[in-house]
């Protein structure tokens, strides 16, 4: 015997096409995977010995994994944000791009503050499966961003000539 029933949206914020796969979460999940791979590759490099013969392989692996992160970010920028959850995912992708693009100490400190402030926006509104999936993706990405900040991979080098107030710095202090 077959039963037929209709399904309704769980909340007012859930779109009627909630069963259809969303583009942004499908592109954001590979970004999280690429970030995890890149962080693991950088940690491997941190424990490597300069005289180890496999260091070239680890360097290539780290470069390829950061290239994969950049490719994922490029794909996300080209996608259309059509759902309520997509805006928060796109904002987190912009934050990843900001952290990776820091070239000055001031920009890096601003990115650190933005990552710390983002931990209060890690829950998407709504009760549907799209909101729950987006919340999990945001939390994973925030954990990866926090690890990136702690690893000092994107920390710019200190340039004593770039001090805005003309203060002299001893070369031994750098």
Protein backbone atom coordinates (compact mmCIF):
# COMPACT_ATOMS: atom_id res chain seq x y z
CA UNK A 1 0.00 0.00 0.00
CA UNK A 2 1.33 3.43 -0.92
CA UNK A 3 0.84 6.58 1.09
CA UNK A 4 1.09 10.07 -0.36
CA UNK A 5 1.86 13.13 1.70
CA UNK A 6 2.98 16.63 0.95
CA UNK A 7 5.99 18.23 2.56
CA UNK A 8 6.03 21.80 3.77
CA UNK A 9 8.98 24.08 4.62
CA UNK A 10 10.06 23.79 8.26
CA UNK A 11 10.44 27.52 8.78
CA UNK A 12 9.57 30.77 7.11
CA UNK A 13 13.22 31.32 6.15
CA UNK A 14 13.51 28.03 4.32
CA UNK A 15 12.93 28.26 0.61
CA UNK A 16 10.43 25.92 -1.06
CA UNK A 17 13.26 24.40 -3.09
CA UNK A 18 15.10 23.23 0.04
CA UNK A 19 15.49 19.75 -1.39
CA UNK A 20 17.48 21.03 -4.37
CA UNK A 21 21.24 21.13 -3.86
CA UNK A 22 22.58 24.61 -3.23
CA UNK A 23 25.54 25.87 -5.23
CA UNK A 24 27.40 27.79 -2.51
CA UNK A 25 27.54 24.95 0.06
CA UNK A 26 28.60 22.56 -2.69
CA UNK A 27 31.51 24.92 -3.49
CA UNK A 28 32.26 25.73 0.15
CA UNK A 29 32.76 22.11 1.24
CA UNK A 30 35.77 21.65 -1.10
CA UNK A 31 37.18 24.92 0.30
CA UNK A 32 37.13 23.41 3.80
CA UNK A 33 38.81 20.25 2.50
CA UNK A 34 41.46 22.29 0.68
CA UNK A 35 42.11 24.37 3.81
CA UNK A 36 42.51 21.26 5.95
CA UNK A 37 44.94 19.76 3.42
CA UNK A 38 46.95 22.98 3.19
CA UNK A 39 47.19 23.33 6.97
CA UNK A 40 48.33 19.72 7.29
CA UNK A 41 50.97 20.28 4.59
CA UNK A 42 52.26 23.39 6.34
CA UNK A 43 52.46 21.52 9.65
CA UNK A 44 54.48 18.82 7.91
CA UNK A 45 56.88 21.49 6.68
CA UNK A 46 57.16 22.90 10.18
CA UNK A 47 58.45 19.59 11.48
CA UNK A 48 60.70 18.85 8.52
CA UNK A 49 64.45 18.92 8.59
CA UNK A 50 66.17 21.02 5.94
CA UNK A 51 68.48 18.12 5.10
CA UNK A 52 65.60 15.65 4.61
CA UNK A 53 65.39 14.46 1.00
CA UNK A 54 61.59 14.53 1.02
CA UNK A 55 61.34 18.26 1.76
CA UNK A 56 60.97 19.12 -1.94
CA UNK A 57 57.94 16.85 -2.14
CA UNK A 58 56.43 18.48 0.94
CA UNK A 59 57.07 21.96 -0.47
CA UNK A 60 55.35 21.07 -3.74
CA UNK A 61 52.45 19.52 -1.84
CA UNK A 62 52.03 22.66 0.29
CA UNK A 63 52.12 24.93 -2.78
CA UNK A 64 49.59 22.78 -4.62
CA UNK A 65 47.26 22.73 -1.61
CA UNK A 66 47.32 26.54 -1.29
CA UNK A 67 46.69 26.76 -5.04
CA UNK A 68 43.65 24.52 -4.50
CA UNK A 69 42.39 26.91 -1.81
CA UNK A 70 42.80 29.83 -4.23
CA UNK A 71 40.92 27.92 -6.94
CA UNK A 72 38.06 27.20 -4.53
CA UNK A 73 37.87 30.87 -3.56
CA UNK A 74 37.77 31.85 -7.24
CA UNK A 75 34.91 29.41 -7.86
CA UNK A 76 33.00 30.80 -4.88
CA UNK A 77 33.38 34.37 -6.10
CA UNK A 78 31.85 33.40 -9.43
CA UNK A 79 28.80 31.74 -7.85
CA UNK A 80 25.46 33.42 -7.19
CA UNK A 81 24.27 33.67 -3.59
CA UNK A 82 20.59 32.85 -3.80
CA UNK A 83 19.78 31.64 -0.30
CA UNK A 84 19.83 33.23 3.11
CA UNK A 85 22.73 31.04 4.27
CA UNK A 86 24.85 31.83 1.23
CA UNK A 87 25.64 35.38 2.38
CA UNK A 88 27.35 34.15 5.54
CA UNK A 89 29.30 31.52 3.62
CA UNK A 90 30.44 34.14 1.12
CA UNK A 91 31.49 36.46 3.97
CA UNK A 92 33.58 33.65 5.47
CA UNK A 93 35.17 32.99 2.07
CA UNK A 94 36.04 36.70 1.88
CA UNK A 95 37.64 36.41 5.31
CA UNK A 96 39.77 33.47 4.11
CA UNK A 97 40.84 35.59 1.14
CA UNK A 98 41.67 38.51 3.44
CA UNK A 99 43.85 36.35 5.69
CA UNK A 100 45.68 34.86 2.72
CA UNK A 101 46.25 38.27 1.15
CA UNK A 102 47.82 40.06 4.12
CA UNK A 103 50.98 41.88 3.09
CA UNK A 104 51.35 44.29 6.00
CA UNK A 105 51.33 43.76 9.75
CA UNK A 106 48.37 46.12 10.18
CA UNK A 107 46.27 44.18 7.69
CA UNK A 108 47.21 40.93 9.42
CA UNK A 109 46.16 42.29 12.82
CA UNK A 110 42.86 43.44 11.31
CA UNK A 111 42.35 39.97 9.84
CA UNK A 112 43.05 38.42 13.25
CA UNK A 113 40.41 40.66 14.81
CA UNK A 114 37.94 39.77 12.07
CA UNK A 115 38.53 36.05 12.64
CA UNK A 116 37.98 36.47 16.38
CA UNK A 117 34.81 38.51 15.77
CA UNK A 118 33.51 35.94 13.28
CA UNK A 119 33.13 33.30 15.98
CA UNK A 120 29.96 35.09 17.09
CA UNK A 121 28.39 34.74 13.64
CA UNK A 122 28.77 31.00 13.16
CA UNK A 123 25.09 30.10 13.18
CA UNK A 124 22.80 30.57 10.22
CA UNK A 125 19.20 31.55 10.90
CA UNK A 126 16.58 28.98 10.13
CA UNK A 127 15.71 25.43 11.05
CA UNK A 128 16.03 23.72 7.72
CA UNK A 129 18.73 21.37 6.50
CA UNK A 130 20.37 24.15 4.48
CA UNK A 131 20.86 26.30 7.58
CA UNK A 132 22.26 23.39 9.56
CA UNK A 133 24.68 22.46 6.79
CA UNK A 134 25.81 26.07 6.41
CA UNK A 135 26.35 26.34 10.18
CA UNK A 136 28.58 23.25 10.14
CA UNK A 137 30.54 24.58 7.16
CA UNK A 138 31.02 27.95 8.88
CA UNK A 139 32.30 26.32 12.07
CA UNK A 140 34.76 24.13 10.17
CA UNK A 141 36.06 27.08 8.17
CA UNK A 142 36.44 29.20 11.30
CA UNK A 143 38.49 26.42 12.93
CA UNK A 144 40.72 26.33 9.85
CA UNK A 145 41.10 30.12 9.86
CA UNK A 146 42.06 30.07 13.54
CA UNK A 147 44.69 27.43 12.79
CA UNK A 148 46.02 29.52 9.90
CA UNK A 149 46.39 32.57 12.14
CA UNK A 150 48.22 30.57 14.80
CA UNK A 151 50.60 28.98 12.27
CA UNK A 152 52.14 32.29 11.17
CA UNK A 153 52.10 31.16 7.54
CA UNK A 154 50.55 34.41 6.37
CA UNK A 155 52.18 36.71 8.90
CA UNK A 156 54.00 39.41 6.94
CA UNK A 157 57.68 39.97 7.63
CA UNK A 158 58.47 42.95 9.81
CA UNK A 159 59.89 45.84 7.81
CA UNK A 160 61.51 48.47 10.06
CA UNK A 161 61.60 50.99 7.19
CA UNK A 162 57.80 50.89 6.93
CA UNK A 163 57.20 52.41 10.36
CA UNK A 164 54.77 55.33 9.93
CA UNK A 165 56.11 57.54 12.72
CA UNK A 166 59.77 57.52 11.64
CA UNK A 167 60.88 55.62 14.74
CA UNK A 168 64.32 54.08 14.43
CA UNK A 169 64.62 50.36 15.11
CA UNK A 170 67.82 48.56 15.96
CA UNK A 171 68.64 45.93 13.32
CA UNK A 172 69.33 43.44 16.12
CA UNK A 173 65.74 43.75 17.29
CA UNK A 174 64.31 42.50 14.01
